[in-house]
């Protein structure tokens, strides 16, 4: 699949060290690996420390984006503590997705004011 001159790989791309979740490239020398993680994963701390870097090394590629999704307040609190412990809390390549349903209004109940 080609996206706007960028080559995009959907699904798991196997780079020789196991499958990565997503890989975007603009030629051979400009590649980014994107790893998606659930905050509820019991092994997320180890995964954040090691996994994406192994994939990057297999691709001769230092660019990595880590996307972490949480569904509860407890998961949000836990992942923020882990990110602090790993000194990853202020990194631009860490993206947190708030998928909680207890802190947002349902779209059908949102009223805009003019």
PDB file of N, CA and C in Angstrom:
ATOM      1  N   UNK A   1       0.842  -1.171   0.000  1.00  0.00           N
ATOM      2  CA  UNK A   1       0.000   0.000   0.000  1.00  0.00           C
ATOM      3  C   UNK A   1       0.886   1.231   0.000  1.00  0.00           C
ATOM      4  N   UNK A   2       0.559   2.207  -0.784  1.00  0.00           N
ATOM      5  CA  UNK A   2       1.332   3.445  -0.837  1.00  0.00           C
ATOM      6  C   UNK A   2       0.449   4.586  -0.354  1.00  0.00           C
ATOM      7  N   UNK A   3       0.969   5.372   0.588  1.00  0.00           N
ATOM      8  CA  UNK A   3       0.237   6.509   1.143  1.00  0.00           C
ATOM      9  C   UNK A   3       1.036   7.770   0.903  1.00  0.00           C
ATOM     10  N   UNK A   4       0.624   8.590  -0.057  1.00  0.00           N
ATOM     11  CA  UNK A   4       1.243   9.902  -0.203  1.00  0.00           C
ATOM     12  C   UNK A   4       2.762   9.823  -0.335  1.00  0.00           C
ATOM     13  N   UNK A   5       3.261   9.013  -1.207  1.00  0.00           N
ATOM     14  CA  UNK A   5       4.689   8.775  -1.419  1.00  0.00           C
ATOM     15  C   UNK A   5       5.350   8.014  -0.278  1.00  0.00           C
ATOM     16  N   UNK A   6       4.636   7.756   0.792  1.00  0.00           N
ATOM     17  CA  UNK A   6       5.165   6.960   1.893  1.00  0.00           C
ATOM     18  C   UNK A   6       4.697   5.534   1.710  1.00  0.00           C
ATOM     19  N   UNK A   7       5.526   4.603   2.077  1.00  0.00           N
ATOM     20  CA  UNK A   7       5.116   3.211   2.029  1.00  0.00           C
ATOM     21  C   UNK A   7       4.631   2.842   3.419  1.00  0.00           C
ATOM     22  N   UNK A   8       3.421   2.327   3.501  1.00  0.00           N
ATOM     23  CA  UNK A   8       2.839   1.987   4.792  1.00  0.00           C
ATOM     24  C   UNK A   8       2.591   0.497   4.861  1.00  0.00           C
ATOM     25  N   UNK A   9       2.954  -0.114   5.970  1.00  0.00           N
ATOM     26  CA  UNK A   9       2.677  -1.532   6.165  1.00  0.00           C
ATOM     27  C   UNK A   9       1.620  -1.699   7.225  1.00  0.00           C
ATOM     28  N   UNK A  10       0.503  -2.286   6.880  1.00  0.00           N
ATOM     29  CA  UNK A  10      -0.551  -2.523   7.853  1.00  0.00           C
ATOM     30  C   UNK A  10      -0.424  -3.945   8.362  1.00  0.00           C
ATOM     31  N   UNK A  11      -0.815  -4.145   9.590  1.00  0.00           N
ATOM     32  CA  UNK A  11      -0.692  -5.454  10.194  1.00  0.00           C
ATOM     33  C   UNK A  11       0.715  -5.635  10.713  1.00  0.00           C
ATOM     34  N   UNK A  12       1.077  -6.832  10.996  1.00  0.00           N
ATOM     35  CA  UNK A  12       2.387  -7.097  11.574  1.00  0.00           C
ATOM     36  C   UNK A  12       3.420  -7.325  10.489  1.00  0.00           C
ATOM     37  N   UNK A  13       4.467  -6.512  10.514  1.00  0.00           N
ATOM     38  CA  UNK A  13       5.554  -6.577   9.549  1.00  0.00           C
ATOM     39  C   UNK A  13       6.682  -7.360  10.188  1.00  0.00           C
ATOM     40  N   UNK A  14       7.105  -8.453   9.576  1.00  0.00           N
ATOM     41  CA  UNK A  14       8.161  -9.270  10.168  1.00  0.00           C
ATOM     42  C   UNK A  14       9.506  -8.801   9.636  1.00  0.00           C
ATOM     43  N   UNK A  15      10.371  -8.389  10.570  1.00  0.00           N
ATOM     44  CA  UNK A  15      11.676  -7.860  10.193  1.00  0.00           C
ATOM     45  C   UNK A  15      12.816  -8.806  10.554  1.00  0.00           C
ATOM     46  N   UNK A  16      12.506 -10.051  10.836  1.00  0.00           N
ATOM     47  CA  UNK A  16      13.542 -11.018  11.166  1.00  0.00           C
ATOM     48  C   UNK A  16      13.683 -11.286  12.653  1.00  0.00           C
ATOM     49  N   UNK A  17      13.224 -10.366  13.500  1.00  0.00           N
ATOM     50  CA  UNK A  17      13.284 -10.554  14.951  1.00  0.00           C
ATOM     51  C   UNK A  17      11.889 -10.700  15.531  1.00  0.00           C
ATOM     52  N   UNK A  18      10.926 -10.913  14.681  1.00  0.00           N
ATOM     53  CA  UNK A  18       9.537 -11.006  15.099  1.00  0.00           C
ATOM     54  C   UNK A  18       8.742  -9.891  14.452  1.00  0.00           C
ATOM     55  N   UNK A  19       7.432 -10.002  14.517  1.00  0.00           N
ATOM     56  CA  UNK A  19       6.590  -9.022  13.835  1.00  0.00           C
ATOM     57  C   UNK A  19       6.469  -7.711  14.606  1.00  0.00           C
ATOM     58  N   UNK A  20       6.553  -6.587  13.897  1.00  0.00           N
ATOM     59  CA  UNK A  20       6.258  -5.278  14.481  1.00  0.00           C
ATOM     60  C   UNK A  20       4.813  -4.955  14.125  1.00  0.00           C
ATOM     61  N   UNK A  21       4.191  -4.090  14.909  1.00  0.00           N
ATOM     62  CA  UNK A  21       2.780  -3.784  14.670  1.00  0.00           C
ATOM     63  C   UNK A  21       2.571  -2.974  13.402  1.00  0.00           C
ATOM     64  N   UNK A  22       3.435  -1.996  13.182  1.00  0.00           N
ATOM     65  CA  UNK A  22       3.226  -1.089  12.052  1.00  0.00           C
ATOM     66  C   UNK A  22       4.565  -0.485  11.668  1.00  0.00           C
ATOM     67  N   UNK A  23       4.766  -0.293  10.393  1.00  0.00           N
ATOM     68  CA  UNK A  23       6.010   0.296   9.918  1.00  0.00           C
ATOM     69  C   UNK A  23       5.681   1.271   8.796  1.00  0.00           C
ATOM     70  N   UNK A  24       6.211   2.484   8.896  1.00  0.00           N
ATOM     71  CA  UNK A  24       6.020   3.503   7.870  1.00  0.00           C
ATOM     72  C   UNK A  24       7.398   3.861   7.342  1.00  0.00           C
ATOM     73  N   UNK A  25       7.520   3.960   6.032  1.00  0.00           N
ATOM     74  CA  UNK A  25       8.831   4.298   5.482  1.00  0.00           C
ATOM     75  C   UNK A  25       8.711   5.274   4.330  1.00  0.00           C
ATOM     76  N   UNK A  26       9.761   6.056   4.192  1.00  0.00           N
ATOM     77  CA  UNK A  26       9.932   6.942   3.054  1.00  0.00           C
ATOM     78  C   UNK A  26      11.309   6.609   2.509  1.00  0.00           C
ATOM     79  N   UNK A  27      11.348   5.548   1.749  1.00  0.00           N
ATOM     80  CA  UNK A  27      12.623   5.033   1.277  1.00  0.00           C
ATOM     81  C   UNK A  27      13.266   4.160   2.344  1.00  0.00           C
ATOM     82  N   UNK A  28      14.410   3.596   2.008  1.00  0.00           N
ATOM     83  CA  UNK A  28      15.084   2.673   2.911  1.00  0.00           C
ATOM     84  C   UNK A  28      15.671   3.351   4.139  1.00  0.00           C
ATOM     85  N   UNK A  29      16.088   4.598   4.015  1.00  0.00           N
ATOM     86  CA  UNK A  29      16.789   5.268   5.100  1.00  0.00           C
ATOM     87  C   UNK A  29      15.899   6.087   6.026  1.00  0.00           C
ATOM     88  N   UNK A  30      14.613   6.119   5.782  1.00  0.00           N
ATOM     89  CA  UNK A  30      13.703   6.881   6.635  1.00  0.00           C
ATOM     90  C   UNK A  30      12.518   5.999   6.996  1.00  0.00           C
ATOM     91  N   UNK A  31      12.671   5.236   8.064  1.00  0.00           N
ATOM     92  CA  UNK A  31      11.647   4.288   8.483  1.00  0.00           C
ATOM     93  C   UNK A  31      11.290   4.535   9.950  1.00  0.00           C
ATOM     94  N   UNK A  32      10.037   4.312  10.268  1.00  0.00           N
ATOM     95  CA  UNK A  32       9.578   4.431  11.649  1.00  0.00           C
ATOM     96  C   UNK A  32       8.769   3.193  11.995  1.00  0.00           C
ATOM     97  N   UNK A  33       9.091   2.610  13.134  1.00  0.00           N
ATOM     98  CA  UNK A  33       8.349   1.472  13.673  1.00  0.00           C
ATOM     99  C   UNK A  33       7.355   2.013  14.686  1.00  0.00           C
ATOM    100  N   UNK A  34       6.116   1.550  14.596  1.00  0.00           N
ATOM    101  CA  UNK A  34       5.084   1.957  15.552  1.00  0.00           C
ATOM    102  C   UNK A  34       4.598   0.707  16.274  1.00  0.00           C
ATOM    103  N   UNK A  35       4.742   0.714  17.587  1.00  0.00           N
ATOM    104  CA  UNK A  35       4.310  -0.398  18.419  1.00  0.00           C
ATOM    105  C   UNK A  35       3.110   0.029  19.246  1.00  0.00           C
ATOM    106  N   UNK A  36       2.049  -0.754  19.206  1.00  0.00           N
ATOM    107  CA  UNK A  36       0.849  -0.487  19.994  1.00  0.00           C
ATOM    108  C   UNK A  36       0.842  -1.409  21.201  1.00  0.00           C
ATOM    109  N   UNK A  37       0.532  -0.841  22.356  1.00  0.00           N
ATOM    110  CA  UNK A  37       0.518  -1.608  23.604  1.00  0.00           C
ATOM    111  C   UNK A  37      -0.741  -1.286  24.390  1.00  0.00           C
ATOM    112  N   UNK A  38      -1.226  -2.289  25.121  1.00  0.00           N
ATOM    113  CA  UNK A  38      -2.305  -2.075  26.067  1.00  0.00           C
ATOM    114  C   UNK A  38      -1.692  -1.851  27.439  1.00  0.00           C
ATOM    115  N   UNK A  39      -2.158  -0.829  28.137  1.00  0.00           N
ATOM    116  CA  UNK A  39      -1.637  -0.541  29.473  1.00  0.00           C
ATOM    117  C   UNK A  39      -1.909  -1.694  30.432  1.00  0.00           C
ATOM    118  N   UNK A  40      -2.900  -2.514  30.139  1.00  0.00           N
ATOM    119  CA  UNK A  40      -3.244  -3.644  31.012  1.00  0.00           C
ATOM    120  C   UNK A  40      -2.273  -4.816  30.877  1.00  0.00           C
ATOM    121  N   UNK A  41      -1.416  -4.790  29.878  1.00  0.00           N
ATOM    122  CA  UNK A  41      -0.459  -5.879  29.645  1.00  0.00           C
ATOM    123  C   UNK A  41       0.469  -6.028  30.848  1.00  0.00           C
ATOM    124  N   UNK A  42       0.544  -7.229  31.398  1.00  0.00           N
ATOM    125  CA  UNK A  42       1.393  -7.495  32.566  1.00  0.00           C
ATOM    126  C   UNK A  42       2.876  -7.299  32.272  1.00  0.00           C
ATOM    127  N   UNK A  43       3.276  -7.407  31.023  1.00  0.00           N
ATOM    128  CA  UNK A  43       4.686  -7.307  30.657  1.00  0.00           C
ATOM    129  C   UNK A  43       5.039  -5.964  30.011  1.00  0.00           C
ATOM    130  N   UNK A  44       4.168  -4.987  30.166  1.00  0.00           N
ATOM    131  CA  UNK A  44       4.379  -3.723  29.448  1.00  0.00           C
ATOM    132  C   UNK A  44       5.668  -3.021  29.856  1.00  0.00           C
ATOM    133  N   UNK A  45       6.052  -3.118  31.105  1.00  0.00           N
ATOM    134  CA  UNK A  45       7.285  -2.441  31.531  1.00  0.00           C
ATOM    135  C   UNK A  45       8.489  -2.996  30.775  1.00  0.00           C
ATOM    136  N   UNK A  46       8.591  -4.326  30.709  1.00  0.00           N
ATOM    137  CA  UNK A  46       9.680  -4.956  29.960  1.00  0.00           C
ATOM    138  C   UNK A  46       9.580  -4.637  28.473  1.00  0.00           C
ATOM    139  N   UNK A  47       8.362  -4.666  27.928  1.00  0.00           N
ATOM    140  CA  UNK A  47       8.170  -4.347  26.510  1.00  0.00           C
ATOM    141  C   UNK A  47       8.617  -2.930  26.189  1.00  0.00           C
ATOM    142  N   UNK A  48       8.293  -1.987  27.045  1.00  0.00           N
ATOM    143  CA  UNK A  48       8.681  -0.597  26.814  1.00  0.00           C
ATOM    144  C   UNK A  48      10.189  -0.418  26.877  1.00  0.00           C
ATOM    145  N   UNK A  49      10.848  -1.216  27.690  1.00  0.00           N
ATOM    146  CA  UNK A  49      12.303  -1.106  27.822  1.00  0.00           C
ATOM    147  C   UNK A  49      13.025  -1.726  26.633  1.00  0.00           C
ATOM    148  N   UNK A  50      12.520  -2.825  26.092  1.00  0.00           N
ATOM    149  CA  UNK A  50      13.312  -3.639  25.184  1.00  0.00           C
ATOM    150  C   UNK A  50      12.749  -3.868  23.792  1.00  0.00           C
ATOM    151  N   UNK A  51      11.484  -4.210  23.692  1.00  0.00           N
ATOM    152  CA  UNK A  51      10.944  -4.800  22.466  1.00  0.00           C
ATOM    153  C   UNK A  51      11.113  -3.942  21.218  1.00  0.00           C
ATOM    154  N   UNK A  52      10.662  -2.704  21.252  1.00  0.00           N
ATOM    155  CA  UNK A  52      10.729  -1.879  20.045  1.00  0.00           C
ATOM    156  C   UNK A  52      12.167  -1.612  19.630  1.00  0.00           C
ATOM    157  N   UNK A  53      13.063  -1.494  20.597  1.00  0.00           N
ATOM    158  CA  UNK A  53      14.475  -1.260  20.275  1.00  0.00           C
ATOM    159  C   UNK A  53      15.085  -2.458  19.553  1.00  0.00           C
ATOM    160  N   UNK A  54      14.662  -3.667  19.921  1.00  0.00           N
ATOM    161  CA  UNK A  54      15.133  -4.872  19.223  1.00  0.00           C
ATOM    162  C   UNK A  54      14.670  -4.834  17.767  1.00  0.00           C
ATOM    163  N   UNK A  55      13.395  -4.467  17.569  1.00  0.00           N
ATOM    164  CA  UNK A  55      12.877  -4.360  16.210  1.00  0.00           C
ATOM    165  C   UNK A  55      13.623  -3.285  15.421  1.00  0.00           C
ATOM    166  N   UNK A  56      13.885  -2.164  16.070  1.00  0.00           N
ATOM    167  CA  UNK A  56      14.586  -1.068  15.394  1.00  0.00           C
ATOM    168  C   UNK A  56      15.981  -1.505  14.977  1.00  0.00           C
ATOM    169  N   UNK A  57      16.681  -2.197  15.862  1.00  0.00           N
ATOM    170  CA  UNK A  57      18.032  -2.666  15.541  1.00  0.00           C
ATOM    171  C   UNK A  57      17.997  -3.640  14.364  1.00  0.00           C
ATOM    172  N   UNK A  58      16.980  -4.480  14.296  1.00  0.00           N
ATOM    173  CA  UNK A  58      16.857  -5.432  13.197  1.00  0.00           C
ATOM    174  C   UNK A  58      16.635  -4.720  11.869  1.00  0.00           C
ATOM    175  N   UNK A  59      16.111  -3.512  11.920  1.00  0.00           N
ATOM    176  CA  UNK A  59      15.854  -2.729  10.711  1.00  0.00           C
ATOM    177  C   UNK A  59      16.903  -1.658  10.468  1.00  0.00           C
ATOM    178  N   UNK A  60      17.973  -1.637  11.259  1.00  0.00           N
ATOM    179  CA  UNK A  60      18.963  -0.558  11.192  1.00  0.00           C
ATOM    180  C   UNK A  60      18.266   0.788  11.270  1.00  0.00           C
ATOM    181  N   UNK A  61      17.389   0.924  12.236  1.00  0.00           N
ATOM    182  CA  UNK A  61      16.478   2.052  12.271  1.00  0.00           C
ATOM    183  C   UNK A  61      16.243   2.520  13.701  1.00  0.00           C
ATOM    184  N   UNK A  62      16.621   3.739  14.025  1.00  0.00           N
ATOM    185  CA  UNK A  62      16.439   4.205  15.393  1.00  0.00           C
ATOM    186  C   UNK A  62      15.083   4.839  15.690  1.00  0.00           C
ATOM    187  N   UNK A  63      14.217   5.054  14.692  1.00  0.00           N
ATOM    188  CA  UNK A  63      12.956   5.753  14.933  1.00  0.00           C
ATOM    189  C   UNK A  63      11.880   4.787  15.421  1.00  0.00           C
ATOM    190  N   UNK A  64      11.316   5.111  16.583  1.00  0.00           N
ATOM    191  CA  UNK A  64      10.304   4.253  17.198  1.00  0.00           C
ATOM    192  C   UNK A  64       9.220   5.137  17.800  1.00  0.00           C
ATOM    193  N   UNK A  65       7.978   4.765  17.577  1.00  0.00           N
ATOM    194  CA  UNK A  65       6.852   5.399  18.253  1.00  0.00           C
ATOM    195  C   UNK A  65       6.144   4.303  19.032  1.00  0.00           C
ATOM    196  N   UNK A  66       5.870   4.575  20.306  1.00  0.00           N
ATOM    197  CA  UNK A  66       5.167   3.618  21.157  1.00  0.00           C
ATOM    198  C   UNK A  66       3.826   4.220  21.535  1.00  0.00           C
ATOM    199  N   UNK A  67       2.748   3.524  21.166  1.00  0.00           N
ATOM    200  CA  UNK A  67       1.390   3.982  21.431  1.00  0.00           C
ATOM    201  C   UNK A  67       0.798   3.077  22.504  1.00  0.00           C
ATOM    202  N   UNK A  68       0.341   3.685  23.605  1.00  0.00           N
ATOM    203  CA  UNK A  68      -0.187   2.909  24.728  1.00  0.00           C
ATOM    204  C   UNK A  68      -1.622   3.340  24.984  1.00  0.00           C
ATOM    205  N   UNK A  69      -2.532   2.364  25.013  1.00  0.00           N
ATOM    206  CA  UNK A  69      -3.940   2.635  25.217  1.00  0.00           C
ATOM    207  C   UNK A  69      -4.363   2.133  26.593  1.00  0.00           C
ATOM    208  N   UNK A  70      -5.108   2.989  27.317  1.00  0.00           N
ATOM    209  CA  UNK A  70      -5.639   2.560  28.618  1.00  0.00           C
ATOM    210  C   UNK A  70      -7.149   2.745  28.644  1.00  0.00           C
ATOM    211  N   UNK A  71      -7.828   1.856  29.415  1.00  0.00           N
ATOM    212  CA  UNK A  71      -9.286   1.827  29.446  1.00  0.00           C
ATOM    213  C   UNK A  71      -9.875   2.145  30.813  1.00  0.00           C
ATOM    214  N   UNK A  72      -9.044   2.216  31.850  1.00  0.00           N
ATOM    215  CA  UNK A  72      -9.525   2.515  33.196  1.00  0.00           C
ATOM    216  C   UNK A  72      -8.598   3.518  33.869  1.00  0.00           C
ATOM    217  N   UNK A  73      -9.098   4.125  34.940  1.00  0.00           N
ATOM    218  CA  UNK A  73      -8.272   5.048  35.702  1.00  0.00           C
ATOM    219  C   UNK A  73      -7.061   4.324  36.286  1.00  0.00           C
ATOM    220  N   UNK A  74      -7.262   3.092  36.741  1.00  0.00           N
ATOM    221  CA  UNK A  74      -6.171   2.310  37.322  1.00  0.00           C
ATOM    222  C   UNK A  74      -5.072   2.041  36.292  1.00  0.00           C
ATOM    223  N   UNK A  75      -5.464   1.707  35.077  1.00  0.00           N
ATOM    224  CA  UNK A  75      -4.483   1.488  34.007  1.00  0.00           C
ATOM    225  C   UNK A  75      -3.738   2.780  33.683  1.00  0.00           C
ATOM    226  N   UNK A  76      -4.457   3.885  33.646  1.00  0.00           N
ATOM    227  CA  UNK A  76      -3.824   5.177  33.374  1.00  0.00           C
ATOM    228  C   UNK A  76      -2.783   5.498  34.455  1.00  0.00           C
ATOM    229  N   UNK A  77      -3.173   5.331  35.696  1.00  0.00           N
ATOM    230  CA  UNK A  77      -2.268   5.607  36.816  1.00  0.00           C
ATOM    231  C   UNK A  77      -1.039   4.689  36.757  1.00  0.00           C
ATOM    232  N   UNK A  78      -1.266   3.402  36.498  1.00  0.00           N
ATOM    233  CA  UNK A  78      -0.173   2.420  36.437  1.00  0.00           C
ATOM    234  C   UNK A  78       0.810   2.753  35.317  1.00  0.00           C
ATOM    235  N   UNK A  79       0.291   3.071  34.115  1.00  0.00           N
ATOM    236  CA  UNK A  79       1.199   3.319  32.992  1.00  0.00           C
ATOM    237  C   UNK A  79       1.985   4.607  33.206  1.00  0.00           C
ATOM    238  N   UNK A  80       1.370   5.593  33.835  1.00  0.00           N
ATOM    239  CA  UNK A  80       2.100   6.829  34.105  1.00  0.00           C
ATOM    240  C   UNK A  80       3.228   6.602  35.115  1.00  0.00           C
ATOM    241  N   UNK A  81       3.002   5.735  36.085  1.00  0.00           N
ATOM    242  CA  UNK A  81       4.058   5.375  37.052  1.00  0.00           C
ATOM    243  C   UNK A  81       5.188   4.641  36.337  1.00  0.00           C
ATOM    244  N   UNK A  82       4.839   3.697  35.474  1.00  0.00           N
ATOM    245  CA  UNK A  82       5.853   2.938  34.721  1.00  0.00           C
ATOM    246  C   UNK A  82       6.674   3.880  33.843  1.00  0.00           C
ATOM    247  N   UNK A  83       6.010   4.793  33.156  1.00  0.00           N
ATOM    248  CA  UNK A  83       6.725   5.745  32.298  1.00  0.00           C
ATOM    249  C   UNK A  83       7.676   6.616  33.123  1.00  0.00           C
ATOM    250  N   UNK A  84       7.258   6.998  34.320  1.00  0.00           N
ATOM    251  CA  UNK A  84       8.138   7.758  35.217  1.00  0.00           C
ATOM    252  C   UNK A  84       9.361   6.925  35.594  1.00  0.00           C
ATOM    253  N   UNK A  85       9.121   5.670  35.992  1.00  0.00           N
ATOM    254  CA  UNK A  85      10.210   4.783  36.414  1.00  0.00           C
ATOM    255  C   UNK A  85      11.223   4.560  35.296  1.00  0.00           C
ATOM    256  N   UNK A  86      10.752   4.494  34.061  1.00  0.00           N
ATOM    257  CA  UNK A  86      11.631   4.252  32.917  1.00  0.00           C
ATOM    258  C   UNK A  86      12.158   5.556  32.303  1.00  0.00           C
ATOM    259  N   UNK A  87      11.807   6.667  32.902  1.00  0.00           N
ATOM    260  CA  UNK A  87      12.185   7.988  32.410  1.00  0.00           C
ATOM    261  C   UNK A  87      11.715   8.202  30.963  1.00  0.00           C
ATOM    262  N   UNK A  88      10.490   7.777  30.705  1.00  0.00           N
ATOM    263  CA  UNK A  88       9.883   7.921  29.381  1.00  0.00           C
ATOM    264  C   UNK A  88       8.693   8.879  29.393  1.00  0.00           C
ATOM    265  N   UNK A  89       8.399   9.484  30.534  1.00  0.00           N
ATOM    266  CA  UNK A  89       7.179  10.273  30.685  1.00  0.00           C
ATOM    267  C   UNK A  89       7.148  11.556  29.868  1.00  0.00           C
ATOM    268  N   UNK A  90       8.275  12.096  29.477  1.00  0.00           N
ATOM    269  CA  UNK A  90       8.296  13.329  28.681  1.00  0.00           C
ATOM    270  C   UNK A  90       8.825  13.113  27.271  1.00  0.00           C
ATOM    271  N   UNK A  91       8.800  11.912  26.791  1.00  0.00           N
ATOM    272  CA  UNK A  91       9.336  11.604  25.471  1.00  0.00           C
ATOM    273  C   UNK A  91       8.286  11.867  24.390  1.00  0.00           C
ATOM    274  N   UNK A  92       8.730  12.459  23.282  1.00  0.00           N
ATOM    275  CA  UNK A  92       7.823  12.762  22.166  1.00  0.00           C
ATOM    276  C   UNK A  92       7.350  11.519  21.434  1.00  0.00           C
ATOM    277  N   UNK A  93       8.061  10.417  21.564  1.00  0.00           N
ATOM    278  CA  UNK A  93       7.690   9.213  20.815  1.00  0.00           C
ATOM    279  C   UNK A  93       6.791   8.270  21.622  1.00  0.00           C
ATOM    280  N   UNK A  94       6.321   8.712  22.783  1.00  0.00           N
ATOM    281  CA  UNK A  94       5.370   7.935  23.580  1.00  0.00           C
ATOM    282  C   UNK A  94       4.018   8.629  23.479  1.00  0.00           C
ATOM    283  N   UNK A  95       3.031   7.897  22.989  1.00  0.00           N
ATOM    284  CA  UNK A  95       1.690   8.459  22.820  1.00  0.00           C
ATOM    285  C   UNK A  95       0.723   7.655  23.679  1.00  0.00           C
ATOM    286  N   UNK A  96       0.005   8.347  24.567  1.00  0.00           N
ATOM    287  CA  UNK A  96      -1.014   7.704  25.386  1.00  0.00           C
ATOM    288  C   UNK A  96      -2.381   7.983  24.792  1.00  0.00           C
ATOM    289  N   UNK A  97      -3.193   6.940  24.683  1.00  0.00           N
ATOM    290  CA  UNK A  97      -4.558   7.086  24.187  1.00  0.00           C
ATOM    291  C   UNK A  97      -5.508   6.779  25.338  1.00  0.00           C
ATOM    292  N   UNK A  98      -6.302   7.774  25.695  1.00  0.00           N
ATOM    293  CA  UNK A  98      -7.286   7.640  26.764  1.00  0.00           C
ATOM    294  C   UNK A  98      -8.558   7.048  26.184  1.00  0.00           C
ATOM    295  N   UNK A  99      -8.782   5.766  26.422  1.00  0.00           N
ATOM    296  CA  UNK A  99      -9.969   5.080  25.915  1.00  0.00           C
ATOM    297  C   UNK A  99     -10.976   4.820  27.028  1.00  0.00           C
ATOM    298  N   UNK A 100     -10.825   5.571  28.131  1.00  0.00           N
ATOM    299  CA  UNK A 100     -11.770   5.416  29.242  1.00  0.00           C
ATOM    300  C   UNK A 100     -13.151   5.879  28.809  1.00  0.00           C
ATOM    301  N   UNK A 101     -14.172   5.248  29.353  1.00  0.00           N
ATOM    302  CA  UNK A 101     -15.527   5.692  29.052  1.00  0.00           C
ATOM    303  C   UNK A 101     -16.175   6.366  30.256  1.00  0.00           C
ATOM    304  N   UNK A 102     -15.428   6.510  31.343  1.00  0.00           N
ATOM    305  CA  UNK A 102     -15.995   7.108  32.547  1.00  0.00           C
ATOM    306  C   UNK A 102     -15.597   8.572  32.734  1.00  0.00           C
ATOM    307  N   UNK A 103     -14.866   9.143  31.797  1.00  0.00           N
ATOM    308  CA  UNK A 103     -14.419  10.528  31.942  1.00  0.00           C
ATOM    309  C   UNK A 103     -14.759  11.397  30.724  1.00  0.00           C
ATOM    310  N   UNK A 104     -15.654  10.893  29.873  1.00  0.00           N
ATOM    311  CA  UNK A 104     -16.053  11.645  28.684  1.00  0.00           C
ATOM    312  C   UNK A 104     -17.564  11.528  28.504  1.00  0.00           C
ATOM    313  N   UNK A 105     -18.150  12.555  27.965  1.00  0.00           N
ATOM    314  CA  UNK A 105     -19.558  12.518  27.640  1.00  0.00           C
ATOM    315  C   UNK A 105     -19.775  11.721  26.367  1.00  0.00           C
ATOM    316  N   UNK A 106     -20.835  10.978  26.324  1.00  0.00           N
ATOM    317  CA  UNK A 106     -21.203  10.274  25.102  1.00  0.00           C
ATOM    318  C   UNK A 106     -21.452  11.300  24.003  1.00  0.00           C
ATOM    319  N   UNK A 107     -21.042  10.999  22.796  1.00  0.00           N
ATOM    320  CA  UNK A 107     -21.210  11.925  21.671  1.00  0.00           C
ATOM    321  C   UNK A 107     -22.674  12.302  21.469  1.00  0.00           C
ATOM    322  N   UNK A 108     -23.590  11.390  21.763  1.00  0.00           N
ATOM    323  CA  UNK A 108     -25.007  11.679  21.575  1.00  0.00           C
ATOM    324  C   UNK A 108     -25.540  12.680  22.601  1.00  0.00           C
ATOM    325  N   UNK A 109     -24.772  12.904  23.692  1.00  0.00           N
ATOM    326  CA  UNK A 109     -25.212  13.823  24.741  1.00  0.00           C
ATOM    327  C   UNK A 109     -24.500  15.166  24.690  1.00  0.00           C
ATOM    328  N   UNK A 110     -23.559  15.311  23.768  1.00  0.00           N
ATOM    329  CA  UNK A 110     -22.817  16.558  23.658  1.00  0.00           C
ATOM    330  C   UNK A 110     -23.705  17.616  22.999  1.00  0.00           C
ATOM    331  N   UNK A 111     -23.760  18.778  23.621  1.00  0.00           N
ATOM    332  CA  UNK A 111     -24.537  19.891  23.060  1.00  0.00           C
ATOM    333  C   UNK A 111     -23.564  21.049  22.849  1.00  0.00           C
ATOM    334  N   UNK A 112     -23.541  21.566  21.651  1.00  0.00           N
ATOM    335  CA  UNK A 112     -22.680  22.722  21.360  1.00  0.00           C
ATOM    336  C   UNK A 112     -23.479  23.993  21.583  1.00  0.00           C
ATOM    337  N   UNK A 113     -22.783  25.002  22.052  1.00  0.00           N
ATOM    338  CA  UNK A 113     -23.420  26.296  22.252  1.00  0.00           C
ATOM    339  C   UNK A 113     -22.935  27.258  21.177  1.00  0.00           C
ATOM    340  N   UNK A 114     -23.816  28.126  20.725  1.00  0.00           N
ATOM    341  CA  UNK A 114     -23.465  29.091  19.671  1.00  0.00           C
ATOM    342  C   UNK A 114     -23.562  30.472  20.207  1.00  0.00           C
TER     343      UNK A 114
END
